[in-house]
PDB file of N, CA and C in Angstrom:
ATOM      1  N   MET A   1     -13.305   0.165 -11.473  1.00  0.00           N
ATOM      2  CA  MET A   1     -12.631  -1.060 -11.102  1.00  0.00           C
ATOM      3  C   MET A   1     -13.299  -1.582  -9.829  1.00  0.00           C
ATOM      4  N   LYS A   2     -13.446  -2.882  -9.734  1.00  0.00           N
ATOM      5  CA  LYS A   2     -13.976  -3.458  -8.505  1.00  0.00           C
ATOM      6  C   LYS A   2     -13.012  -3.154  -7.362  1.00  0.00           C
ATOM      7  N   THR A   3     -13.550  -2.788  -6.222  1.00  0.00           N
ATOM      8  CA  THR A   3     -12.725  -2.467  -5.063  1.00  0.00           C
ATOM      9  C   THR A   3     -11.828  -3.643  -4.686  1.00  0.00           C
ATOM     10  N   SER A   4     -12.369  -4.845  -4.739  1.00  0.00           N
ATOM     11  CA  SER A   4     -11.567  -6.021  -4.375  1.00  0.00           C
ATOM     12  C   SER A   4     -10.365  -6.180  -5.303  1.00  0.00           C
ATOM     13  N   ASP A   5     -10.531  -5.866  -6.600  1.00  0.00           N
ATOM     14  CA  ASP A   5      -9.410  -5.940  -7.548  1.00  0.00           C
ATOM     15  C   ASP A   5      -8.385  -4.845  -7.267  1.00  0.00           C
ATOM     16  N   ALA A   6      -8.865  -3.638  -6.935  1.00  0.00           N
ATOM     17  CA  ALA A   6      -7.952  -2.531  -6.630  1.00  0.00           C
ATOM     18  C   ALA A   6      -7.114  -2.843  -5.395  1.00  0.00           C
ATOM     19  N   ILE A   7      -7.721  -3.495  -4.402  1.00  0.00           N
ATOM     20  CA  ILE A   7      -6.986  -3.882  -3.200  1.00  0.00           C
ATOM     21  C   ILE A   7      -5.940  -4.934  -3.549  1.00  0.00           C
ATOM     22  N   LYS A   8      -6.326  -5.931  -4.347  1.00  0.00           N
ATOM     23  CA  LYS A   8      -5.400  -6.994  -4.751  1.00  0.00           C
ATOM     24  C   LYS A   8      -4.228  -6.460  -5.563  1.00  0.00           C
ATOM     25  N   GLU A   9      -4.470  -5.391  -6.356  1.00  0.00           N
ATOM     26  CA  GLU A   9      -3.412  -4.809  -7.182  1.00  0.00           C
ATOM     27  C   GLU A   9      -2.543  -3.825  -6.425  1.00  0.00           C
ATOM     28  N   GLY A  10      -2.866  -3.551  -5.157  1.00  0.00           N
ATOM     29  CA  GLY A  10      -2.006  -2.723  -4.326  1.00  0.00           C
ATOM     30  C   GLY A  10      -2.259  -1.236  -4.367  1.00  0.00           C
ATOM     31  N   TYR A  11      -3.413  -0.802  -4.859  1.00  0.00           N
ATOM     32  CA  TYR A  11      -3.700   0.629  -4.916  1.00  0.00           C
ATOM     33  C   TYR A  11      -3.869   1.255  -3.534  1.00  0.00           C
ATOM     34  N   PHE A  12      -4.148   0.458  -2.526  1.00  0.00           N
ATOM     35  CA  PHE A  12      -4.367   0.983  -1.179  1.00  0.00           C
ATOM     36  C   PHE A  12      -3.358   0.434  -0.193  1.00  0.00           C
ATOM     37  N   GLY A  13      -2.203   0.079  -0.682  1.00  0.00           N
ATOM     38  CA  GLY A  13      -1.160  -0.467   0.173  1.00  0.00           C
ATOM     39  C   GLY A  13      -0.763  -1.851  -0.299  1.00  0.00           C
ATOM     40  N   ASP A  14       0.245  -2.389   0.311  1.00  0.00           N
ATOM     41  CA  ASP A  14       0.754  -3.706  -0.052  1.00  0.00           C
ATOM     42  C   ASP A  14      -0.307  -4.770   0.226  1.00  0.00           C
ATOM     43  N   PRO A  15      -0.838  -5.425  -0.806  1.00  0.00           N
ATOM     44  CA  PRO A  15      -1.895  -6.405  -0.572  1.00  0.00           C
ATOM     45  C   PRO A  15      -1.424  -7.611   0.240  1.00  0.00           C
ATOM     46  N   PHE A  16      -0.123  -7.828   0.315  1.00  0.00           N
ATOM     47  CA  PHE A  16       0.419  -8.952   1.078  1.00  0.00           C
ATOM     48  C   PHE A  16       0.966  -8.497   2.430  1.00  0.00           C
ATOM     49  N   GLY A  17       0.945  -7.190   2.646  1.00  0.00           N
ATOM     50  CA  GLY A  17       1.408  -6.631   3.913  1.00  0.00           C
ATOM     51  C   GLY A  17       0.207  -6.166   4.711  1.00  0.00           C
ATOM     52  N   LYS A  18       0.408  -5.124   5.488  1.00  0.00           N
ATOM     53  CA  LYS A  18      -0.672  -4.620   6.326  1.00  0.00           C
ATOM     54  C   LYS A  18      -1.331  -3.416   5.663  1.00  0.00           C
ATOM     55  N   ILE A  19      -2.620  -3.517   5.440  1.00  0.00           N
ATOM     56  CA  ILE A  19      -3.408  -2.368   5.004  1.00  0.00           C
ATOM     57  C   ILE A  19      -4.454  -2.132   6.085  1.00  0.00           C
ATOM     58  N   HIS A  20      -5.058  -0.979   6.076  1.00  0.00           N
ATOM     59  CA  HIS A  20      -6.015  -0.619   7.119  1.00  0.00           C
ATOM     60  C   HIS A  20      -7.139  -1.650   7.171  1.00  0.00           C
ATOM     61  N   GLU A  21      -7.426  -2.115   8.381  1.00  0.00           N
ATOM     62  CA  GLU A  21      -8.412  -3.190   8.529  1.00  0.00           C
ATOM     63  C   GLU A  21      -9.835  -2.767   8.173  1.00  0.00           C
ATOM     64  N   ARG A  22     -10.093  -1.463   8.128  1.00  0.00           N
ATOM     65  CA  ARG A  22     -11.437  -0.982   7.796  1.00  0.00           C
ATOM     66  C   ARG A  22     -11.528  -0.420   6.385  1.00  0.00           C
ATOM     67  N   ILE A  23     -10.570  -0.736   5.522  1.00  0.00           N
ATOM     68  CA  ILE A  23     -10.557  -0.156   4.181  1.00  0.00           C
ATOM     69  C   ILE A  23     -11.866  -0.425   3.439  1.00  0.00           C
ATOM     70  N   LYS A  24     -12.434  -1.599   3.612  1.00  0.00           N
ATOM     71  CA  LYS A  24     -13.681  -1.925   2.912  1.00  0.00           C
ATOM     72  C   LYS A  24     -14.868  -1.130   3.461  1.00  0.00           C
ATOM     73  N   ASP A  25     -14.765  -0.625   4.698  1.00  0.00           N
ATOM     74  CA  ASP A  25     -15.814   0.229   5.262  1.00  0.00           C
ATOM     75  C   ASP A  25     -15.832   1.604   4.595  1.00  0.00           C
ATOM     76  N   PHE A  26     -14.689   2.051   4.090  1.00  0.00           N
ATOM     77  CA  PHE A  26     -14.570   3.381   3.507  1.00  0.00           C
ATOM     78  C   PHE A  26     -14.821   3.402   2.006  1.00  0.00           C
ATOM     79  N   LEU A  27     -14.770   2.244   1.376  1.00  0.00           N
ATOM     80  CA  LEU A  27     -14.914   2.163  -0.073  1.00  0.00           C
ATOM     81  C   LEU A  27     -16.201   1.442  -0.437  1.00  0.00           C
ATOM     82  N   GLY A  28     -16.716   1.740  -1.607  1.00  0.00           N
ATOM     83  CA  GLY A  28     -17.910   1.053  -2.087  1.00  0.00           C
ATOM     84  C   GLY A  28     -17.531  -0.196  -2.869  1.00  0.00           C
ATOM     85  N   ASP A  29     -18.435  -0.669  -3.688  1.00  0.00           N
ATOM     86  CA  ASP A  29     -18.178  -1.862  -4.499  1.00  0.00           C
ATOM     87  C   ASP A  29     -17.170  -1.584  -5.605  1.00  0.00           C
ATOM     88  N   TYR A  30     -17.140  -0.339  -6.078  1.00  0.00           N
ATOM     89  CA  TYR A  30     -16.247   0.058  -7.160  1.00  0.00           C
ATOM     90  C   TYR A  30     -15.516   1.341  -6.779  1.00  0.00           C
ATOM     91  N   VAL A  31     -14.321   1.528  -7.344  1.00  0.00           N
ATOM     92  CA  VAL A  31     -13.576   2.770  -7.185  1.00  0.00           C
ATOM     93  C   VAL A  31     -13.222   3.300  -8.567  1.00  0.00           C
ATOM     94  N   ALA A  32     -13.062   4.608  -8.678  1.00  0.00           N
ATOM     95  CA  ALA A  32     -12.694   5.240  -9.941  1.00  0.00           C
ATOM     96  C   ALA A  32     -11.350   5.926  -9.752  1.00  0.00           C
ATOM     97  N   PHE A  33     -10.511   5.845 -10.759  1.00  0.00           N
ATOM     98  CA  PHE A  33      -9.188   6.464 -10.735  1.00  0.00           C
ATOM     99  C   PHE A  33      -9.083   7.434 -11.901  1.00  0.00           C
ATOM    100  N   GLY A  34      -8.613   8.639 -11.605  1.00  0.00           N
ATOM    101  CA  GLY A  34      -8.351   9.598 -12.672  1.00  0.00           C
ATOM    102  C   GLY A  34      -7.089   9.187 -13.414  1.00  0.00           C
ATOM    103  N   ILE A  35      -7.121   9.269 -14.730  1.00  0.00           N
ATOM    104  CA  ILE A  35      -5.950   8.863 -15.521  1.00  0.00           C
ATOM    105  C   ILE A  35      -5.482   9.976 -16.448  1.00  0.00           C
ATOM    106  N   ASN A  36      -5.991  11.166 -16.245  1.00  0.00           N
ATOM    107  CA  ASN A  36      -5.619  12.275 -17.107  1.00  0.00           C
ATOM    108  C   ASN A  36      -5.616  13.543 -16.270  1.00  0.00           C
ATOM    109  N   LYS A  37      -5.580  14.690 -16.911  1.00  0.00           N
ATOM    110  CA  LYS A  37      -5.526  15.956 -16.190  1.00  0.00           C
ATOM    111  C   LYS A  37      -6.911  16.498 -15.832  1.00  0.00           C
ATOM    112  N   TYR A  38      -7.958  15.761 -16.140  1.00  0.00           N
ATOM    113  CA  TYR A  38      -9.315  16.226 -15.901  1.00  0.00           C
ATOM    114  C   TYR A  38      -9.897  15.615 -14.629  1.00  0.00           C
ATOM    115  N   TYR A  39     -10.876  16.287 -14.045  1.00  0.00           N
ATOM    116  CA  TYR A  39     -11.522  15.794 -12.832  1.00  0.00           C
ATOM    117  C   TYR A  39     -12.977  16.254 -12.812  1.00  0.00           C
ATOM    118  N   PHE A  40     -13.778  15.604 -11.987  1.00  0.00           N
ATOM    119  CA  PHE A  40     -15.157  16.016 -11.777  1.00  0.00           C
ATOM    120  C   PHE A  40     -15.173  17.071 -10.685  1.00  0.00           C
ATOM    121  N   ASN A  41     -15.994  18.088 -10.875  1.00  0.00           N
ATOM    122  CA  ASN A  41     -16.109  19.138  -9.872  1.00  0.00           C
ATOM    123  C   ASN A  41     -17.585  19.469  -9.687  1.00  0.00           C
ATOM    124  N   TYR A  42     -18.142  19.044  -8.560  1.00  0.00           N
ATOM    125  CA  TYR A  42     -19.543  19.315  -8.261  1.00  0.00           C
ATOM    126  C   TYR A  42     -19.657  20.694  -7.636  1.00  0.00           C
ATOM    127  N   LYS A  43     -20.500  21.525  -8.214  1.00  0.00           N
ATOM    128  CA  LYS A  43     -20.715  22.864  -7.669  1.00  0.00           C
ATOM    129  C   LYS A  43     -22.155  22.962  -7.178  1.00  0.00           C
ATOM    130  N   GLY A  44     -22.328  22.622  -5.920  1.00  0.00           N
ATOM    131  CA  GLY A  44     -23.649  22.699  -5.317  1.00  0.00           C
ATOM    132  C   GLY A  44     -23.862  24.034  -4.635  1.00  0.00           C
ATOM    133  N   GLU A  45     -24.954  24.128  -3.921  1.00  0.00           N
ATOM    134  CA  GLU A  45     -25.323  25.378  -3.259  1.00  0.00           C
ATOM    135  C   GLU A  45     -24.280  25.835  -2.245  1.00  0.00           C
ATOM    136  N   ASN A  46     -23.701  24.906  -1.498  1.00  0.00           N
ATOM    137  CA  ASN A  46     -22.721  25.256  -0.458  1.00  0.00           C
ATOM    138  C   ASN A  46     -21.315  24.792  -0.826  1.00  0.00           C
ATOM    139  N   SER A  47     -20.978  24.850  -2.094  1.00  0.00           N
ATOM    140  CA  SER A  47     -19.677  24.357  -2.540  1.00  0.00           C
ATOM    141  C   SER A  47     -18.533  25.224  -2.048  1.00  0.00           C
ATOM    142  N   ILE A  48     -17.405  24.575  -1.822  1.00  0.00           N
ATOM    143  CA  ILE A  48     -16.170  25.251  -1.431  1.00  0.00           C
ATOM    144  C   ILE A  48     -15.253  25.263  -2.648  1.00  0.00           C
ATOM    145  N   LEU A  49     -14.585  26.372  -2.900  1.00  0.00           N
ATOM    146  CA  LEU A  49     -13.644  26.455  -4.005  1.00  0.00           C
ATOM    147  C   LEU A  49     -12.297  25.913  -3.540  1.00  0.00           C
ATOM    148  N   PHE A  50     -11.855  24.813  -4.124  1.00  0.00           N
ATOM    149  CA  PHE A  50     -10.553  24.244  -3.800  1.00  0.00           C
ATOM    150  C   PHE A  50      -9.490  24.923  -4.642  1.00  0.00           C
ATOM    151  N   LYS A  51      -8.348  25.213  -4.034  1.00  0.00           N
ATOM    152  CA  LYS A  51      -7.262  25.851  -4.763  1.00  0.00           C
ATOM    153  C   LYS A  51      -6.414  24.846  -5.527  1.00  0.00           C
ATOM    154  N   SER A  52      -6.526  23.569  -5.179  1.00  0.00           N
ATOM    155  CA  SER A  52      -5.768  22.549  -5.908  1.00  0.00           C
ATOM    156  C   SER A  52      -6.532  21.233  -5.845  1.00  0.00           C
ATOM    157  N   HIS A  53      -6.199  20.359  -6.774  1.00  0.00           N
ATOM    158  CA  HIS A  53      -6.852  19.058  -6.862  1.00  0.00           C
ATOM    159  C   HIS A  53      -5.817  18.018  -7.264  1.00  0.00           C
ATOM    160  N   HIS A  54      -6.060  16.793  -6.889  1.00  0.00           N
ATOM    161  CA  HIS A  54      -5.265  15.677  -7.401  1.00  0.00           C
ATOM    162  C   HIS A  54      -6.211  14.898  -8.295  1.00  0.00           C
ATOM    163  N   ALA A  55      -5.918  14.875  -9.592  1.00  0.00           N
ATOM    164  CA  ALA A  55      -6.914  14.358 -10.526  1.00  0.00           C
ATOM    165  C   ALA A  55      -6.515  13.086 -11.245  1.00  0.00           C
ATOM    166  N   GLY A  56      -5.299  12.647 -11.165  1.00  0.00           N
ATOM    167  CA  GLY A  56      -4.974  11.462 -11.941  1.00  0.00           C
ATOM    168  C   GLY A  56      -3.579  10.950 -11.704  1.00  0.00           C
ATOM    169  N   ILE A  57      -3.158  10.116 -12.603  1.00  0.00           N
ATOM    170  CA  ILE A  57      -1.825   9.524 -12.487  1.00  0.00           C
ATOM    171  C   ILE A  57      -0.975   9.918 -13.692  1.00  0.00           C
ATOM    172  N   THR A  58      -0.953  11.228 -13.963  1.00  0.00           N
ATOM    173  CA  THR A  58      -0.085  11.699 -15.027  1.00  0.00           C
ATOM    174  C   THR A  58       1.368  11.600 -14.561  1.00  0.00           C
ATOM    175  N   LYS A  59       2.300  11.691 -15.480  1.00  0.00           N
ATOM    176  CA  LYS A  59       3.717  11.587 -15.150  1.00  0.00           C
ATOM    177  C   LYS A  59       4.105  12.619 -14.085  1.00  0.00           C
ATOM    178  N   GLU A  60       3.610  13.845 -14.236  1.00  0.00           N
ATOM    179  CA  GLU A  60       3.956  14.912 -13.300  1.00  0.00           C
ATOM    180  C   GLU A  60       3.432  14.624 -11.893  1.00  0.00           C
ATOM    181  N   GLU A  61       2.263  14.006 -11.797  1.00  0.00           N
ATOM    182  CA  GLU A  61       1.707  13.716 -10.475  1.00  0.00           C
ATOM    183  C   GLU A  61       2.384  12.526  -9.812  1.00  0.00           C
ATOM    184  N   MET A  62       2.946  11.636 -10.596  1.00  0.00           N
ATOM    185  CA  MET A  62       3.574  10.453 -10.038  1.00  0.00           C
ATOM    186  C   MET A  62       5.025  10.694  -9.631  1.00  0.00           C
ATOM    187  N   GLU A  63       5.653  11.742 -10.155  1.00  0.00           N
ATOM    188  CA  GLU A  63       7.035  12.061  -9.796  1.00  0.00           C
ATOM    189  C   GLU A  63       7.037  12.948  -8.565  1.00  0.00           C
ATOM    190  N   VAL A  64       7.483  12.397  -7.454  1.00  0.00           N
ATOM    191  CA  VAL A  64       7.508  13.127  -6.188  1.00  0.00           C
ATOM    192  C   VAL A  64       8.950  13.306  -5.765  1.00  0.00           C
ATOM    193  N   PRO A  65       9.393  14.556  -5.562  1.00  0.00           N
ATOM    194  CA  PRO A  65      10.776  14.747  -5.122  1.00  0.00           C
ATOM    195  C   PRO A  65      11.008  14.242  -3.704  1.00  0.00           C
ATOM    196  N   VAL A  66      12.120  13.605  -3.494  1.00  0.00           N
ATOM    197  CA  VAL A  66      12.480  13.104  -2.164  1.00  0.00           C
ATOM    198  C   VAL A  66      13.826  13.714  -1.782  1.00  0.00           C
ATOM    199  N   ILE A  67      13.870  14.312  -0.600  1.00  0.00           N
ATOM    200  CA  ILE A  67      15.101  14.918  -0.094  1.00  0.00           C
ATOM    201  C   ILE A  67      15.515  14.172   1.156  1.00  0.00           C
ATOM    202  N   VAL A  68      16.725  13.644   1.164  1.00  0.00           N
ATOM    203  CA  VAL A  68      17.234  12.915   2.318  1.00  0.00           C
ATOM    204  C   VAL A  68      18.440  13.647   2.859  1.00  0.00           C
ATOM    205  N   ILE A  69      18.413  13.951   4.150  1.00  0.00           N
ATOM    206  CA  ILE A  69      19.541  14.620   4.794  1.00  0.00           C
ATOM    207  C   ILE A  69      20.093  13.667   5.834  1.00  0.00           C
ATOM    208  N   ARG A  70      21.348  13.366   5.716  1.00  0.00           N
ATOM    209  CA  ARG A  70      21.992  12.452   6.672  1.00  0.00           C
ATOM    210  C   ARG A  70      22.972  13.245   7.501  1.00  0.00           C
ATOM    211  N   LYS A  71      22.878  13.159   8.817  1.00  0.00           N
ATOM    212  CA  LYS A  71      23.791  13.874   9.696  1.00  0.00           C
ATOM    213  C   LYS A  71      24.731  12.906  10.374  1.00  0.00           C
TER     214      LYS A  71
END
């Protein structure tokens, strides 16, 4: 997806609110989004083994528990 379209669609914050002023410095012309349980894993000479990954927007990854305690 074009980075400009992803910004307009709100993937990096509210496009009509405040998003980081340097967001375009951190992103290229295009961004890729995982949409399934699979991910790319580069294993180079000095690779680090990650114990967990965030790979997509599956139902399980999008459901985040929220706990509110009111005193």
